[in-house]
Amino acid sequence: MNTEKLMNDIDKCENEEEMKKVFNEHFEDEVERKMMWDLLKTLRDKDNSQLLGKESKDNENDFMKDIVDTVTKYDEYSKKKKN
C-alpha cells in the first residue's frame, strides 16, 4: 500500500462518502479497510476533542493505545493473509 498516495487522495475528499470510496480503492480486503477506517475515525475524534479542550493524559494514552492496537492487528492480519 502506498501510504502517501492514500493520504493525498484523502486530502482531496470533500465528504465522508468520497473518503469511503478512496478506502475501497486502497484496501481491497474488507477487514483491513475496516481497521484503517476505524483508525481514521479515532484520529478525527482525537482532533475534535483537542479543539473542544477535552484533552487529558488518560485520553492521550487511550488514543495512542488505539493506534498501536490497530497497527498491530493490521500487521498480524496481513501476515496471516499472506500465508
C-alpha atoms as a PDB file:
ATOM      1  CA  MET A   1       0.000   0.000   0.000  1.00  0.00           C
ATOM      2  CA  ASN A   2       1.209   3.463  -0.863  1.00  0.00           C
ATOM      3  CA  THR A   3       0.507   5.481   2.289  1.00  0.00           C
ATOM      4  CA  GLU A   4       1.493   8.784   0.715  1.00  0.00           C
ATOM      5  CA  LYS A   5      -0.961   8.291  -2.153  1.00  0.00           C
ATOM      6  CA  LEU A   6      -3.696   7.273   0.292  1.00  0.00           C
ATOM      7  CA  MET A   7      -3.188  10.431   2.349  1.00  0.00           C
ATOM      8  CA  ASN A   8      -3.098  12.622  -0.770  1.00  0.00           C
ATOM      9  CA  ASP A   9      -6.328  11.047  -2.036  1.00  0.00           C
ATOM     10  CA  ILE A  10      -7.998  11.507   1.364  1.00  0.00           C
ATOM     11  CA  ASP A  11      -6.949  15.172   1.453  1.00  0.00           C
ATOM     12  CA  LYS A  12      -8.819  15.731  -1.826  1.00  0.00           C
ATOM     13  CA  CYS A  13     -12.093  14.353  -0.429  1.00  0.00           C
ATOM     14  CA  GLU A  14     -14.875  16.753   0.380  1.00  0.00           C
ATOM     15  CA  ASN A  15     -17.029  14.407   2.451  1.00  0.00           C
ATOM     16  CA  GLU A  16     -17.143  11.030   4.171  1.00  0.00           C
ATOM     17  CA  GLU A  17     -18.682   9.293   1.150  1.00  0.00           C
ATOM     18  CA  GLU A  18     -15.721  10.274  -1.035  1.00  0.00           C
ATOM     19  CA  MET A  19     -13.347   9.110   1.688  1.00  0.00           C
ATOM     20  CA  LYS A  20     -15.032   5.701   1.794  1.00  0.00           C
ATOM     21  CA  LYS A  21     -14.536   5.381  -1.975  1.00  0.00           C
ATOM     22  CA  VAL A  22     -10.839   6.144  -1.525  1.00  0.00           C
ATOM     23  CA  PHE A  23     -10.605   3.461   1.155  1.00  0.00           C
ATOM     24  CA  ASN A  24     -12.338   0.965  -1.133  1.00  0.00           C
ATOM     25  CA  GLU A  25      -9.728   1.688  -3.807  1.00  0.00           C
ATOM     26  CA  HIS A  26      -6.741   1.421  -1.472  1.00  0.00           C
ATOM     27  CA  PHE A  27      -7.842  -1.531   0.659  1.00  0.00           C
ATOM     28  CA  GLU A  28      -9.256  -4.432  -1.314  1.00  0.00           C
ATOM     29  CA  ASP A  29      -9.560  -6.555   1.802  1.00  0.00           C
ATOM     30  CA  GLU A  30     -12.681  -5.679   3.788  1.00  0.00           C
ATOM     31  CA  VAL A  31     -11.126  -6.441   7.193  1.00  0.00           C
ATOM     32  CA  GLU A  32      -8.084  -4.255   6.523  1.00  0.00           C
ATOM     33  CA  ARG A  33     -10.296  -1.494   5.160  1.00  0.00           C
ATOM     34  CA  LYS A  34     -12.467  -1.522   8.299  1.00  0.00           C
ATOM     35  CA  MET A  35      -9.427  -1.447  10.600  1.00  0.00           C
ATOM     36  CA  MET A  36      -7.967   1.559   8.826  1.00  0.00           C
ATOM     37  CA  TRP A  37     -11.326   3.324   8.575  1.00  0.00           C
ATOM     38  CA  ASP A  38     -11.858   2.905  12.312  1.00  0.00           C
ATOM     39  CA  LEU A  39      -8.372   4.266  12.944  1.00  0.00           C
ATOM     40  CA  LEU A  40      -9.097   7.292  10.777  1.00  0.00           C
ATOM     41  CA  LYS A  41     -12.281   7.922  12.765  1.00  0.00           C
ATOM     42  CA  THR A  42     -10.269   7.653  16.000  1.00  0.00           C
ATOM     43  CA  LEU A  43      -7.812  10.235  14.677  1.00  0.00           C
ATOM     44  CA  ARG A  44     -10.668  12.529  13.690  1.00  0.00           C
ATOM     45  CA  ASP A  45     -12.294  12.161  17.099  1.00  0.00           C
ATOM     46  CA  LYS A  46      -8.971  12.972  18.736  1.00  0.00           C
ATOM     47  CA  ASP A  47      -8.707  16.167  16.689  1.00  0.00           C
ATOM     48  CA  ASN A  48     -12.231  17.129  17.709  1.00  0.00           C
ATOM     49  CA  SER A  49     -11.539  16.552  21.407  1.00  0.00           C
ATOM     50  CA  GLN A  50      -8.433  18.740  21.199  1.00  0.00           C
ATOM     51  CA  LEU A  51     -10.457  21.518  19.595  1.00  0.00           C
ATOM     52  CA  LEU A  52     -13.003  21.282  22.396  1.00  0.00           C
ATOM     53  CA  GLY A  53     -10.320  21.299  25.098  1.00  0.00           C
ATOM     54  CA  LYS A  54     -11.194  17.849  26.435  1.00  0.00           C
ATOM     55  CA  GLU A  55      -7.606  16.708  26.480  1.00  0.00           C
ATOM     56  CA  SER A  56      -6.301  14.688  29.384  1.00  0.00           C
ATOM     57  CA  LYS A  57      -3.357  12.376  29.885  1.00  0.00           C
ATOM     58  CA  ASP A  58      -5.700   9.363  30.136  1.00  0.00           C
ATOM     59  CA  ASN A  59      -7.355  10.248  26.826  1.00  0.00           C
ATOM     60  CA  GLU A  60      -3.980  10.663  25.190  1.00  0.00           C
ATOM     61  CA  ASN A  61      -2.790   7.271  26.457  1.00  0.00           C
ATOM     62  CA  ASP A  62      -6.019   5.603  25.285  1.00  0.00           C
ATOM     63  CA  PHE A  63      -5.620   7.253  21.907  1.00  0.00           C
ATOM     64  CA  MET A  64      -2.044   6.013  21.494  1.00  0.00           C
ATOM     65  CA  LYS A  65      -3.093   2.530  22.611  1.00  0.00           C
ATOM     66  CA  ASP A  66      -5.845   2.515  19.966  1.00  0.00           C
ATOM     67  CA  ILE A  67      -3.331   3.392  17.259  1.00  0.00           C
ATOM     68  CA  VAL A  68      -0.808   0.777  18.375  1.00  0.00           C
ATOM     69  CA  ASP A  69      -3.512  -1.893  18.731  1.00  0.00           C
ATOM     70  CA  THR A  70      -4.880  -1.168  15.269  1.00  0.00           C
ATOM     71  CA  VAL A  71      -1.481  -1.238  13.595  1.00  0.00           C
ATOM     72  CA  THR A  72      -0.570  -4.461  15.417  1.00  0.00           C
ATOM     73  CA  LYS A  73      -3.839  -6.150  14.428  1.00  0.00           C
ATOM     74  CA  TYR A  74      -3.413  -4.939  10.855  1.00  0.00           C
ATOM     75  CA  ASP A  75       0.119  -6.359  10.669  1.00  0.00           C
ATOM     76  CA  GLU A  76      -0.952  -9.685  12.186  1.00  0.00           C
ATOM     77  CA  TYR A  77      -3.912  -9.960   9.839  1.00  0.00           C
ATOM     78  CA  SER A  78      -1.765  -9.104   6.796  1.00  0.00           C
ATOM     79  CA  LYS A  79       0.806 -11.750   7.744  1.00  0.00           C
ATOM     80  CA  LYS A  80      -1.879 -14.412   8.199  1.00  0.00           C
ATOM     81  CA  LYS A  81      -3.465 -13.476   4.913  1.00  0.00           C
ATOM     82  CA  LYS A  82      -0.164 -13.907   3.067  1.00  0.00           C
ATOM     83  CA  ASN A  83       0.364 -17.411   4.456  1.00  0.00           C
END
